[in-house]
PDB file of N, CA and C in Angstrom:
ATOM      1  N   MET A   1     -18.053  -1.607  -5.588  1.00  0.00           N
ATOM      2  CA  MET A   1     -19.381  -1.470  -6.131  1.00  0.00           C
ATOM      3  C   MET A   1     -20.190  -2.691  -5.733  1.00  0.00           C
ATOM      4  N   LEU A   2     -21.300  -2.479  -5.093  1.00  0.00           N
ATOM      5  CA  LEU A   2     -22.189  -3.568  -4.707  1.00  0.00           C
ATOM      6  C   LEU A   2     -23.370  -3.599  -5.669  1.00  0.00           C
ATOM      7  N   PRO A   3     -23.359  -4.504  -6.627  1.00  0.00           N
ATOM      8  CA  PRO A   3     -24.486  -4.561  -7.539  1.00  0.00           C
ATOM      9  C   PRO A   3     -25.782  -4.827  -6.784  1.00  0.00           C
ATOM     10  N   GLY A   4     -26.762  -3.973  -7.010  1.00  0.00           N
ATOM     11  CA  GLY A   4     -28.060  -4.171  -6.381  1.00  0.00           C
ATOM     12  C   GLY A   4     -28.247  -3.450  -5.068  1.00  0.00           C
ATOM     13  N   ALA A   5     -27.188  -2.858  -4.532  1.00  0.00           N
ATOM     14  CA  ALA A   5     -27.293  -2.203  -3.225  1.00  0.00           C
ATOM     15  C   ALA A   5     -28.139  -0.946  -3.349  1.00  0.00           C
ATOM     16  N   GLY A   6     -29.320  -0.961  -2.722  1.00  0.00           N
ATOM     17  CA  GLY A   6     -30.174   0.219  -2.695  1.00  0.00           C
ATOM     18  C   GLY A   6     -30.851   0.536  -4.014  1.00  0.00           C
ATOM     19  N   MET A   7     -30.980  -0.443  -4.909  1.00  0.00           N
ATOM     20  CA  MET A   7     -31.600  -0.189  -6.207  1.00  0.00           C
ATOM     21  C   MET A   7     -32.924  -0.936  -6.308  1.00  0.00           C
ATOM     22  N   ASN A   8     -33.827  -0.347  -7.073  1.00  0.00           N
ATOM     23  CA  ASN A   8     -35.053  -1.084  -7.343  1.00  0.00           C
ATOM     24  C   ASN A   8     -34.755  -2.102  -8.445  1.00  0.00           C
ATOM     25  N   PRO A   9     -35.598  -3.098  -8.640  1.00  0.00           N
ATOM     26  CA  PRO A   9     -35.317  -4.158  -9.616  1.00  0.00           C
ATOM     27  C   PRO A   9     -35.064  -3.654 -11.037  1.00  0.00           C
ATOM     28  N   LYS A  10     -35.769  -2.594 -11.450  1.00  0.00           N
ATOM     29  CA  LYS A  10     -35.570  -2.047 -12.801  1.00  0.00           C
ATOM     30  C   LYS A  10     -34.164  -1.453 -12.946  1.00  0.00           C
ATOM     31  N   GLN A  11     -33.741  -0.673 -11.942  1.00  0.00           N
ATOM     32  CA  GLN A  11     -32.399  -0.087 -11.970  1.00  0.00           C
ATOM     33  C   GLN A  11     -31.332  -1.183 -11.956  1.00  0.00           C
ATOM     34  N   LEU A  12     -31.555  -2.216 -11.160  1.00  0.00           N
ATOM     35  CA  LEU A  12     -30.613  -3.331 -11.072  1.00  0.00           C
ATOM     36  C   LEU A  12     -30.463  -4.006 -12.430  1.00  0.00           C
ATOM     37  N   LYS A  13     -31.575  -4.257 -13.099  1.00  0.00           N
ATOM     38  CA  LYS A  13     -31.539  -4.910 -14.412  1.00  0.00           C
ATOM     39  C   LYS A  13     -30.800  -4.030 -15.425  1.00  0.00           C
ATOM     40  N   GLN A  14     -31.030  -2.712 -15.389  1.00  0.00           N
ATOM     41  CA  GLN A  14     -30.347  -1.785 -16.292  1.00  0.00           C
ATOM     42  C   GLN A  14     -28.841  -1.792 -16.030  1.00  0.00           C
ATOM     43  N   MET A  15     -28.480  -1.805 -14.753  1.00  0.00           N
ATOM     44  CA  MET A  15     -27.065  -1.820 -14.417  1.00  0.00           C
ATOM     45  C   MET A  15     -26.413  -3.117 -14.895  1.00  0.00           C
ATOM     46  N   GLN A  16     -27.093  -4.244 -14.708  1.00  0.00           N
ATOM     47  CA  GLN A  16     -26.544  -5.523 -15.155  1.00  0.00           C
ATOM     48  C   GLN A  16     -26.354  -5.544 -16.665  1.00  0.00           C
ATOM     49  N   ARG A  17     -27.324  -4.983 -17.419  1.00  0.00           N
ATOM     50  CA  ARG A  17     -27.182  -4.907 -18.880  1.00  0.00           C
ATOM     51  C   ARG A  17     -25.995  -4.032 -19.269  1.00  0.00           C
ATOM     52  N   ALA A  18     -25.853  -2.882 -18.603  1.00  0.00           N
ATOM     53  CA  ALA A  18     -24.735  -1.972 -18.905  1.00  0.00           C
ATOM     54  C   ALA A  18     -23.397  -2.638 -18.603  1.00  0.00           C
ATOM     55  N   MET A  19     -23.323  -3.364 -17.498  1.00  0.00           N
ATOM     56  CA  MET A  19     -22.082  -4.067 -17.153  1.00  0.00           C
ATOM     57  C   MET A  19     -21.762  -5.124 -18.212  1.00  0.00           C
ATOM     58  N   LYS A  20     -22.771  -5.846 -18.656  1.00  0.00           N
ATOM     59  CA  LYS A  20     -22.573  -6.888 -19.661  1.00  0.00           C
ATOM     60  C   LYS A  20     -22.080  -6.269 -20.976  1.00  0.00           C
ATOM     61  N   GLN A  21     -22.649  -5.116 -21.370  1.00  0.00           N
ATOM     62  CA  GLN A  21     -22.228  -4.431 -22.594  1.00  0.00           C
ATOM     63  C   GLN A  21     -20.765  -3.978 -22.506  1.00  0.00           C
ATOM     64  N   MET A  22     -20.331  -3.609 -21.323  1.00  0.00           N
ATOM     65  CA  MET A  22     -18.935  -3.182 -21.130  1.00  0.00           C
ATOM     66  C   MET A  22     -17.987  -4.363 -20.978  1.00  0.00           C
ATOM     67  N   GLY A  23     -18.520  -5.573 -20.998  1.00  0.00           N
ATOM     68  CA  GLY A  23     -17.669  -6.752 -20.852  1.00  0.00           C
ATOM     69  C   GLY A  23     -17.393  -7.121 -19.411  1.00  0.00           C
ATOM     70  N   MET A  24     -18.224  -6.619 -18.497  1.00  0.00           N
ATOM     71  CA  MET A  24     -18.053  -6.926 -17.079  1.00  0.00           C
ATOM     72  C   MET A  24     -18.973  -8.070 -16.695  1.00  0.00           C
ATOM     73  N   ASP A  25     -18.433  -9.008 -15.946  1.00  0.00           N
ATOM     74  CA  ASP A  25     -19.215 -10.132 -15.467  1.00  0.00           C
ATOM     75  C   ASP A  25     -19.056 -10.194 -13.950  1.00  0.00           C
ATOM     76  N   ASN A  26     -20.157 -10.287 -13.223  1.00  0.00           N
ATOM     77  CA  ASN A  26     -20.118 -10.307 -11.766  1.00  0.00           C
ATOM     78  C   ASN A  26     -20.850 -11.552 -11.277  1.00  0.00           C
ATOM     79  N   LYS A  27     -20.161 -12.387 -10.482  1.00  0.00           N
ATOM     80  CA  LYS A  27     -20.762 -13.615  -9.974  1.00  0.00           C
ATOM     81  C   LYS A  27     -20.504 -13.729  -8.474  1.00  0.00           C
ATOM     82  N   ASP A  28     -21.472 -14.288  -7.762  1.00  0.00           N
ATOM     83  CA  ASP A  28     -21.266 -14.607  -6.353  1.00  0.00           C
ATOM     84  C   ASP A  28     -20.447 -15.889  -6.268  1.00  0.00           C
ATOM     85  N   VAL A  29     -19.496 -15.929  -5.350  1.00  0.00           N
ATOM     86  CA  VAL A  29     -18.683 -17.123  -5.122  1.00  0.00           C
ATOM     87  C   VAL A  29     -19.299 -17.845  -3.929  1.00  0.00           C
ATOM     88  N   LYS A  30     -19.757 -19.054  -4.154  1.00  0.00           N
ATOM     89  CA  LYS A  30     -20.457 -19.823  -3.118  1.00  0.00           C
ATOM     90  C   LYS A  30     -19.487 -20.718  -2.340  1.00  0.00           C
ATOM     91  N   GLY A  31     -19.833 -21.016  -1.101  1.00  0.00           N
ATOM     92  CA  GLY A  31     -19.095 -21.985  -0.303  1.00  0.00           C
ATOM     93  C   GLY A  31     -17.887 -21.446   0.446  1.00  0.00           C
ATOM     94  N   VAL A  32     -17.637 -20.133   0.410  1.00  0.00           N
ATOM     95  CA  VAL A  32     -16.491 -19.563   1.121  1.00  0.00           C
ATOM     96  C   VAL A  32     -16.875 -19.407   2.588  1.00  0.00           C
ATOM     97  N   THR A  33     -16.077 -19.982   3.487  1.00  0.00           N
ATOM     98  CA  THR A  33     -16.387 -19.906   4.916  1.00  0.00           C
ATOM     99  C   THR A  33     -15.516 -18.895   5.657  1.00  0.00           C
ATOM    100  N   GLU A  34     -14.334 -18.605   5.101  1.00  0.00           N
ATOM    101  CA  GLU A  34     -13.417 -17.676   5.773  1.00  0.00           C
ATOM    102  C   GLU A  34     -12.403 -17.185   4.752  1.00  0.00           C
ATOM    103  N   VAL A  35     -12.016 -15.903   4.865  1.00  0.00           N
ATOM    104  CA  VAL A  35     -10.973 -15.320   4.019  1.00  0.00           C
ATOM    105  C   VAL A  35      -9.870 -14.831   4.948  1.00  0.00           C
ATOM    106  N   VAL A  36      -8.604 -15.137   4.604  1.00  0.00           N
ATOM    107  CA  VAL A  36      -7.472 -14.744   5.432  1.00  0.00           C
ATOM    108  C   VAL A  36      -6.530 -13.870   4.602  1.00  0.00           C
ATOM    109  N   LEU A  37      -6.219 -12.677   5.119  1.00  0.00           N
ATOM    110  CA  LEU A  37      -5.218 -11.803   4.512  1.00  0.00           C
ATOM    111  C   LEU A  37      -4.010 -11.839   5.431  1.00  0.00           C
ATOM    112  N   LYS A  38      -2.855 -12.259   4.896  1.00  0.00           N
ATOM    113  CA  LYS A  38      -1.652 -12.391   5.721  1.00  0.00           C
ATOM    114  C   LYS A  38      -0.708 -11.228   5.465  1.00  0.00           C
ATOM    115  N   PHE A  39      -0.305 -10.590   6.562  1.00  0.00           N
ATOM    116  CA  PHE A  39       0.667  -9.510   6.537  1.00  0.00           C
ATOM    117  C   PHE A  39       1.909  -9.980   7.284  1.00  0.00           C
ATOM    118  N   LYS A  40       2.935  -9.150   7.298  1.00  0.00           N
ATOM    119  CA  LYS A  40       4.180  -9.517   7.972  1.00  0.00           C
ATOM    120  C   LYS A  40       3.982  -9.760   9.461  1.00  0.00           C
ATOM    121  N   ASN A  41       3.177  -8.907  10.099  1.00  0.00           N
ATOM    122  CA  ASN A  41       3.036  -9.004  11.559  1.00  0.00           C
ATOM    123  C   ASN A  41       1.606  -9.256  12.042  1.00  0.00           C
ATOM    124  N   LYS A  42       0.662  -9.489  11.099  1.00  0.00           N
ATOM    125  CA  LYS A  42      -0.716  -9.754  11.519  1.00  0.00           C
ATOM    126  C   LYS A  42      -1.458 -10.521  10.432  1.00  0.00           C
ATOM    127  N   GLU A  43      -2.597 -11.053  10.819  1.00  0.00           N
ATOM    128  CA  GLU A  43      -3.519 -11.688   9.889  1.00  0.00           C
ATOM    129  C   GLU A  43      -4.878 -11.032  10.060  1.00  0.00           C
ATOM    130  N   VAL A  44      -5.566 -10.828   8.954  1.00  0.00           N
ATOM    131  CA  VAL A  44      -6.918 -10.302   8.988  1.00  0.00           C
ATOM    132  C   VAL A  44      -7.829 -11.435   8.527  1.00  0.00           C
ATOM    133  N   LEU A  45      -8.724 -11.858   9.421  1.00  0.00           N
ATOM    134  CA  LEU A  45      -9.674 -12.917   9.112  1.00  0.00           C
ATOM    135  C   LEU A  45     -11.025 -12.280   8.818  1.00  0.00           C
ATOM    136  N   ILE A  46     -11.669 -12.735   7.757  1.00  0.00           N
ATOM    137  CA  ILE A  46     -13.012 -12.273   7.438  1.00  0.00           C
ATOM    138  C   ILE A  46     -13.910 -13.487   7.560  1.00  0.00           C
ATOM    139  N   LYS A  47     -14.716 -13.464   8.615  1.00  0.00           N
ATOM    140  CA  LYS A  47     -15.594 -14.593   8.936  1.00  0.00           C
ATOM    141  C   LYS A  47     -16.938 -14.430   8.221  1.00  0.00           C
ATOM    142  N   SER A  48     -17.544 -15.540   7.852  1.00  0.00           N
ATOM    143  CA  SER A  48     -18.836 -15.573   7.153  1.00  0.00           C
ATOM    144  C   SER A  48     -18.868 -14.562   6.002  1.00  0.00           C
ATOM    145  N   PRO A  49     -17.895 -14.648   5.079  1.00  0.00           N
ATOM    146  CA  PRO A  49     -17.818 -13.635   4.026  1.00  0.00           C
ATOM    147  C   PRO A  49     -18.854 -13.830   2.922  1.00  0.00           C
ATOM    148  N   LYS A  50     -19.204 -12.724   2.302  1.00  0.00           N
ATOM    149  CA  LYS A  50     -19.976 -12.732   1.069  1.00  0.00           C
ATOM    150  C   LYS A  50     -18.967 -12.303   0.006  1.00  0.00           C
ATOM    151  N   VAL A  51     -18.676 -13.188  -0.935  1.00  0.00           N
ATOM    152  CA  VAL A  51     -17.622 -12.952  -1.908  1.00  0.00           C
ATOM    153  C   VAL A  51     -18.230 -12.846  -3.305  1.00  0.00           C
ATOM    154  N   SER A  52     -17.833 -11.795  -4.020  1.00  0.00           N
ATOM    155  CA  SER A  52     -18.233 -11.610  -5.414  1.00  0.00           C
ATOM    156  C   SER A  52     -16.980 -11.581  -6.269  1.00  0.00           C
ATOM    157  N   LEU A  53     -17.075 -12.151  -7.449  1.00  0.00           N
ATOM    158  CA  LEU A  53     -15.963 -12.148  -8.408  1.00  0.00           C
ATOM    159  C   LEU A  53     -16.388 -11.335  -9.609  1.00  0.00           C
ATOM    160  N   MET A  54     -15.638 -10.272  -9.888  1.00  0.00           N
ATOM    161  CA  MET A  54     -15.929  -9.429 -11.033  1.00  0.00           C
ATOM    162  C   MET A  54     -14.826  -9.637 -12.064  1.00  0.00           C
ATOM    163  N   ASP A  55     -15.229  -9.932 -13.277  1.00  0.00           N
ATOM    164  CA  ASP A  55     -14.277 -10.123 -14.373  1.00  0.00           C
ATOM    165  C   ASP A  55     -14.494  -8.988 -15.366  1.00  0.00           C
ATOM    166  N   PHE A  56     -13.466  -8.178 -15.561  1.00  0.00           N
ATOM    167  CA  PHE A  56     -13.549  -7.043 -16.486  1.00  0.00           C
ATOM    168  C   PHE A  56     -12.329  -7.052 -17.378  1.00  0.00           C
ATOM    169  N   MET A  57     -12.547  -7.352 -18.647  1.00  0.00           N
ATOM    170  CA  MET A  57     -11.472  -7.377 -19.653  1.00  0.00           C
ATOM    171  C   MET A  57     -10.331  -8.297 -19.212  1.00  0.00           C
ATOM    172  N   GLY A  58     -10.676  -9.468 -18.679  1.00  0.00           N
ATOM    173  CA  GLY A  58      -9.665 -10.441 -18.289  1.00  0.00           C
ATOM    174  C   GLY A  58      -9.055 -10.209 -16.920  1.00  0.00           C
ATOM    175  N   GLN A  59      -9.389  -9.104 -16.293  1.00  0.00           N
ATOM    176  CA  GLN A  59      -8.874  -8.791 -14.950  1.00  0.00           C
ATOM    177  C   GLN A  59      -9.911  -9.230 -13.924  1.00  0.00           C
ATOM    178  N   GLN A  60      -9.520 -10.122 -13.017  1.00  0.00           N
ATOM    179  CA  GLN A  60     -10.449 -10.599 -12.007  1.00  0.00           C
ATOM    180  C   GLN A  60     -10.251  -9.845 -10.696  1.00  0.00           C
ATOM    181  N   THR A  61     -11.360  -9.400 -10.118  1.00  0.00           N
ATOM    182  CA  THR A  61     -11.342  -8.673  -8.858  1.00  0.00           C
ATOM    183  C   THR A  61     -12.332  -9.328  -7.910  1.00  0.00           C
ATOM    184  N   TYR A  62     -11.862  -9.595  -6.690  1.00  0.00           N
ATOM    185  CA  TYR A  62     -12.730 -10.167  -5.663  1.00  0.00           C
ATOM    186  C   TYR A  62     -13.192  -9.064  -4.725  1.00  0.00           C
ATOM    187  N   GLN A  63     -14.464  -9.073  -4.412  1.00  0.00           N
ATOM    188  CA  GLN A  63     -15.024  -8.149  -3.439  1.00  0.00           C
ATOM    189  C   GLN A  63     -15.506  -8.981  -2.273  1.00  0.00           C
ATOM    190  N   ILE A  64     -15.049  -8.631  -1.069  1.00  0.00           N
ATOM    191  CA  ILE A  64     -15.349  -9.434   0.116  1.00  0.00           C
ATOM    192  C   ILE A  64     -15.957  -8.547   1.191  1.00  0.00           C
ATOM    193  N   THR A  65     -17.075  -8.999   1.742  1.00  0.00           N
ATOM    194  CA  THR A  65     -17.667  -8.320   2.893  1.00  0.00           C
ATOM    195  C   THR A  65     -17.915  -9.368   3.971  1.00  0.00           C
ATOM    196  N   GLY A  66     -17.832  -8.964   5.212  1.00  0.00           N
ATOM    197  CA  GLY A  66     -18.053  -9.883   6.315  1.00  0.00           C
ATOM    198  C   GLY A  66     -17.515  -9.323   7.613  1.00  0.00           C
ATOM    199  N   LYS A  67     -17.520 -10.143   8.644  1.00  0.00           N
ATOM    200  CA  LYS A  67     -17.029  -9.734   9.967  1.00  0.00           C
ATOM    201  C   LYS A  67     -15.502  -9.849   9.994  1.00  0.00           C
ATOM    202  N   VAL A  68     -14.835  -8.738  10.287  1.00  0.00           N
ATOM    203  CA  VAL A  68     -13.371  -8.682  10.262  1.00  0.00           C
ATOM    204  C   VAL A  68     -12.804  -8.877  11.667  1.00  0.00           C
ATOM    205  N   VAL A  69     -11.794  -9.769  11.761  1.00  0.00           N
ATOM    206  CA  VAL A  69     -11.087 -10.024  13.014  1.00  0.00           C
ATOM    207  C   VAL A  69      -9.591  -9.957  12.720  1.00  0.00           C
ATOM    208  N   GLU A  70      -8.864  -9.123  13.477  1.00  0.00           N
ATOM    209  CA  GLU A  70      -7.411  -9.021  13.299  1.00  0.00           C
ATOM    210  C   GLU A  70      -6.696  -9.813  14.380  1.00  0.00           C
ATOM    211  N   GLN A  71      -5.585 -10.477  13.982  1.00  0.00           N
ATOM    212  CA  GLN A  71      -4.767 -11.225  14.930  1.00  0.00           C
ATOM    213  C   GLN A  71      -3.304 -10.872  14.689  1.00  0.00           C
ATOM    214  N   LYS A  72      -2.604 -10.557  15.776  1.00  0.00           N
ATOM    215  CA  LYS A  72      -1.161 -10.319  15.678  1.00  0.00           C
ATOM    216  C   LYS A  72      -0.449 -11.649  15.541  1.00  0.00           C
ATOM    217  N   ILE A  73       0.637 -11.655  14.785  1.00  0.00           N
ATOM    218  CA  ILE A  73       1.440 -12.856  14.632  1.00  0.00           C
ATOM    219  C   ILE A  73       2.706 -12.672  15.462  1.00  0.00           C
ATOM    220  N   GLU A  74       2.890 -13.564  16.406  1.00  0.00           N
ATOM    221  CA  GLU A  74       4.092 -13.535  17.241  1.00  0.00           C
ATOM    222  C   GLU A  74       5.163 -14.366  16.547  1.00  0.00           C
ATOM    223  N   THR A  75       6.271 -13.727  16.260  1.00  0.00           N
ATOM    224  CA  THR A  75       7.372 -14.453  15.628  1.00  0.00           C
ATOM    225  C   THR A  75       8.578 -14.418  16.560  1.00  0.00           C
ATOM    226  N   GLU A  76       9.216 -15.525  16.690  1.00  0.00           N
ATOM    227  CA  GLU A  76      10.418 -15.639  17.522  1.00  0.00           C
ATOM    228  C   GLU A  76      11.628 -15.478  16.612  1.00  0.00           C
ATOM    229  N   LEU A  77      12.454 -14.479  16.913  1.00  0.00           N
ATOM    230  CA  LEU A  77      13.655 -14.229  16.133  1.00  0.00           C
ATOM    231  C   LEU A  77      14.687 -15.310  16.421  1.00  0.00           C
ATOM    232  N   GLU A  78      15.154 -15.951  15.362  1.00  0.00           N
ATOM    233  CA  GLU A  78      16.196 -16.959  15.528  1.00  0.00           C
ATOM    234  C   GLU A  78      17.544 -16.302  15.249  1.00  0.00           C
ATOM    235  N   VAL A  79      18.382 -16.271  16.270  1.00  0.00           N
ATOM    236  CA  VAL A  79      19.696 -15.640  16.164  1.00  0.00           C
ATOM    237  C   VAL A  79      20.741 -16.738  15.985  1.00  0.00           C
ATOM    238  N   PRO A  80      21.547 -16.664  14.925  1.00  0.00           N
ATOM    239  CA  PRO A  80      22.582 -17.679  14.724  1.00  0.00           C
ATOM    240  C   PRO A  80      23.600 -17.696  15.875  1.00  0.00           C
ATOM    241  N   GLU A  81      24.045 -18.881  16.213  1.00  0.00           N
ATOM    242  CA  GLU A  81      25.014 -19.042  17.309  1.00  0.00           C
ATOM    243  C   GLU A  81      26.300 -18.260  17.027  1.00  0.00           C
ATOM    244  N   ASP A  82      26.698 -18.177  15.761  1.00  0.00           N
ATOM    245  CA  ASP A  82      27.902 -17.407  15.398  1.00  0.00           C
ATOM    246  C   ASP A  82      27.754 -15.940  15.775  1.00  0.00           C
ATOM    247  N   ASP A  83      26.557 -15.378  15.592  1.00  0.00           N
ATOM    248  CA  ASP A  83      26.309 -13.979  15.943  1.00  0.00           C
ATOM    249  C   ASP A  83      26.392 -13.774  17.450  1.00  0.00           C
ATOM    250  N   VAL A  84      25.826 -14.724  18.207  1.00  0.00           N
ATOM    251  CA  VAL A  84      25.866 -14.641  19.671  1.00  0.00           C
ATOM    252  C   VAL A  84      27.311 -14.679  20.141  1.00  0.00           C
ATOM    253  N   GLU A  85      28.091 -15.588  19.563  1.00  0.00           N
ATOM    254  CA  GLU A  85      29.491 -15.728  19.946  1.00  0.00           C
ATOM    255  C   GLU A  85      30.283 -14.469  19.600  1.00  0.00           C
ATOM    256  N   LEU A  86      30.035 -13.907  18.434  1.00  0.00           N
ATOM    257  CA  LEU A  86      30.751 -12.692  18.011  1.00  0.00           C
ATOM    258  C   LEU A  86      30.459 -11.542  18.969  1.00  0.00           C
ATOM    259  N   VAL A  87      29.192 -11.318  19.304  1.00  0.00           N
ATOM    260  CA  VAL A  87      28.828 -10.224  20.208  1.00  0.00           C
ATOM    261  C   VAL A  87      29.413 -10.468  21.595  1.00  0.00           C
ATOM    262  N   SER A  88      29.357 -11.708  22.052  1.00  0.00           N
ATOM    263  CA  SER A  88      29.902 -12.063  23.360  1.00  0.00           C
ATOM    264  C   SER A  88      31.402 -11.795  23.407  1.00  0.00           C
ATOM    265  N   ASN A  89      32.124 -12.219  22.386  1.00  0.00           N
ATOM    266  CA  ASN A  89      33.586 -12.022  22.335  1.00  0.00           C
ATOM    267  C   ASN A  89      33.961 -10.556  22.213  1.00  0.00           C
ATOM    268  N   GLN A  90      33.203  -9.798  21.426  1.00  0.00           N
ATOM    269  CA  GLN A  90      33.523  -8.380  21.212  1.00  0.00           C
ATOM    270  C   GLN A  90      33.258  -7.524  22.446  1.00  0.00           C
ATOM    271  N   THR A  91      32.266  -7.924  23.247  1.00  0.00           N
ATOM    272  CA  THR A  91      31.865  -7.080  24.380  1.00  0.00           C
ATOM    273  C   THR A  91      32.242  -7.650  25.739  1.00  0.00           C
ATOM    274  N   GLY A  92      32.631  -8.923  25.787  1.00  0.00           N
ATOM    275  CA  GLY A  92      33.023  -9.543  27.050  1.00  0.00           C
ATOM    276  C   GLY A  92      31.854  -9.916  27.953  1.00  0.00           C
ATOM    277  N   VAL A  93      30.641  -9.982  27.398  1.00  0.00           N
ATOM    278  CA  VAL A  93      29.481 -10.379  28.207  1.00  0.00           C
ATOM    279  C   VAL A  93      29.198 -11.860  27.991  1.00  0.00           C
ATOM    280  N   THR A  94      28.302 -12.397  28.804  1.00  0.00           N
ATOM    281  CA  THR A  94      27.939 -13.813  28.661  1.00  0.00           C
ATOM    282  C   THR A  94      27.158 -14.013  27.358  1.00  0.00           C
ATOM    283  N   LYS A  95      27.120 -15.261  26.919  1.00  0.00           N
ATOM    284  CA  LYS A  95      26.373 -15.574  25.702  1.00  0.00           C
ATOM    285  C   LYS A  95      24.878 -15.306  25.901  1.00  0.00           C
ATOM    286  N   GLU A  96      24.386 -15.538  27.117  1.00  0.00           N
ATOM    287  CA  GLU A  96      22.983 -15.292  27.405  1.00  0.00           C
ATOM    288  C   GLU A  96      22.643 -13.806  27.246  1.00  0.00           C
ATOM    289  N   LYS A  97      23.520 -12.938  27.771  1.00  0.00           N
ATOM    290  CA  LYS A  97      23.299 -11.490  27.672  1.00  0.00           C
ATOM    291  C   LYS A  97      23.423 -11.045  26.212  1.00  0.00           C
ATOM    292  N   ALA A  98      24.376 -11.632  25.486  1.00  0.00           N
ATOM    293  CA  ALA A  98      24.547 -11.308  24.067  1.00  0.00           C
ATOM    294  C   ALA A  98      23.297 -11.701  23.283  1.00  0.00           C
ATOM    295  N   LEU A  99      22.755 -12.894  23.562  1.00  0.00           N
ATOM    296  CA  LEU A  99      21.548 -13.365  22.884  1.00  0.00           C
ATOM    297  C   LEU A  99      20.363 -12.456  23.194  1.00  0.00           C
ATOM    298  N   GLU A 100      20.204 -12.085  24.447  1.00  0.00           N
ATOM    299  CA  GLU A 100      19.115 -11.204  24.857  1.00  0.00           C
ATOM    300  C   GLU A 100      19.184  -9.860  24.125  1.00  0.00           C
ATOM    301  N   THR A 101      20.387  -9.303  24.039  1.00  0.00           N
ATOM    302  CA  THR A 101      20.564  -8.008  23.374  1.00  0.00           C
ATOM    303  C   THR A 101      20.332  -8.128  21.870  1.00  0.00           C
ATOM    304  N   LEU A 102      20.776  -9.231  21.273  1.00  0.00           N
ATOM    305  CA  LEU A 102      20.540  -9.438  19.839  1.00  0.00           C
ATOM    306  C   LEU A 102      19.043  -9.530  19.542  1.00  0.00           C
ATOM    307  N   LYS A 103      18.290 -10.158  20.431  1.00  0.00           N
ATOM    308  CA  LYS A 103      16.842 -10.237  20.242  1.00  0.00           C
ATOM    309  C   LYS A 103      16.201  -8.855  20.367  1.00  0.00           C
ATOM    310  N   GLU A 104      16.699  -8.051  21.321  1.00  0.00           N
ATOM    311  CA  GLU A 104      16.178  -6.696  21.503  1.00  0.00           C
ATOM    312  C   GLU A 104      16.448  -5.828  20.280  1.00  0.00           C
ATOM    313  N   THR A 105      17.582  -6.060  19.630  1.00  0.00           N
ATOM    314  CA  THR A 105      17.963  -5.266  18.461  1.00  0.00           C
ATOM    315  C   THR A 105      17.554  -5.937  17.153  1.00  0.00           C
ATOM    316  N   GLU A 106      16.726  -6.986  17.256  1.00  0.00           N
ATOM    317  CA  GLU A 106      16.227  -7.726  16.099  1.00  0.00           C
ATOM    318  C   GLU A 106      17.354  -8.258  15.220  1.00  0.00           C
ATOM    319  N   GLY A 107      18.417  -8.716  15.874  1.00  0.00           N
ATOM    320  CA  GLY A 107      19.518  -9.357  15.168  1.00  0.00           C
ATOM    321  C   GLY A 107      20.563  -8.416  14.622  1.00  0.00           C
ATOM    322  N   ASP A 108      20.481  -7.130  14.926  1.00  0.00           N
ATOM    323  CA  ASP A 108      21.434  -6.139  14.428  1.00  0.00           C
ATOM    324  C   ASP A 108      22.729  -6.247  15.247  1.00  0.00           C
ATOM    325  N   LEU A 109      23.785  -6.811  14.633  1.00  0.00           N
ATOM    326  CA  LEU A 109      25.050  -7.047  15.337  1.00  0.00           C
ATOM    327  C   LEU A 109      25.678  -5.743  15.828  1.00  0.00           C
ATOM    328  N   ALA A 110      25.765  -4.759  14.961  1.00  0.00           N
ATOM    329  CA  ALA A 110      26.422  -3.490  15.332  1.00  0.00           C
ATOM    330  C   ALA A 110      25.680  -2.819  16.484  1.00  0.00           C
ATOM    331  N   GLU A 111      24.363  -2.803  16.415  1.00  0.00           N
ATOM    332  CA  GLU A 111      23.577  -2.161  17.487  1.00  0.00           C
ATOM    333  C   GLU A 111      23.753  -2.913  18.801  1.00  0.00           C
ATOM    334  N   ALA A 112      23.774  -4.239  18.746  1.00  0.00           N
ATOM    335  CA  ALA A 112      23.949  -5.043  19.954  1.00  0.00           C
ATOM    336  C   ALA A 112      25.317  -4.780  20.590  1.00  0.00           C
ATOM    337  N   ILE A 113      26.360  -4.720  19.776  1.00  0.00           N
ATOM    338  CA  ILE A 113      27.719  -4.455  20.289  1.00  0.00           C
ATOM    339  C   ILE A 113      27.786  -3.057  20.899  1.00  0.00           C
ATOM    340  N   LEU A 114      27.182  -2.075  20.230  1.00  0.00           N
ATOM    341  CA  LEU A 114      27.183  -0.708  20.766  1.00  0.00           C
ATOM    342  C   LEU A 114      26.456  -0.624  22.101  1.00  0.00           C
ATOM    343  N   ARG A 115      25.347  -1.305  22.242  1.00  0.00           N
ATOM    344  CA  ARG A 115      24.592  -1.271  23.496  1.00  0.00           C
ATOM    345  C   ARG A 115      25.354  -1.914  24.638  1.00  0.00           C
ATOM    346  N   LEU A 116      26.121  -2.950  24.328  1.00  0.00           N
ATOM    347  CA  LEU A 116      26.829  -3.684  25.375  1.00  0.00           C
ATOM    348  C   LEU A 116      28.214  -3.113  25.683  1.00  0.00           C
ATOM    349  N   SER A 117      28.700  -2.226  24.861  1.00  0.00           N
ATOM    350  CA  SER A 117      30.051  -1.671  25.070  1.00  0.00           C
ATOM    351  C   SER A 117      30.031  -0.493  26.013  1.00  0.00           C
TER     352      SER A 117
END
C-alpha cells in the first residue's frame, strides 16, 4: 500500500486518519542509500530506495521501492582432503580427477564414486 499514491489531498488525509484510528503508523525512513536482500545463490540490490516503515499492532513492515539489480554469488565448494582421498582410493583415479568429480557432484561422495567407477 502506497499512502498517497493517486489520491487527492482530502482522500490522503482521510486515509491517514483511518490508519491512525486502526493503530497503524506509517513513516518514511530517511538516509537509506541501498537495500540488500541476500539469498543462497544471489543478492538483490535496491539502489536509491524509498523506504517506508509501517507499524501495525506492534508488527513492523518495511516497504521498499527503487531500482532493482540482481547479482549471482559465486561460491567455491571446499572439498575435504579426506573425501578426495576416499574417492581416489575407491575408484583408482588421481586425486586431481577425484577432486574435479567431487566438485561436479557438489561434494556427493556416492555420486562421485559412481561416476568414476
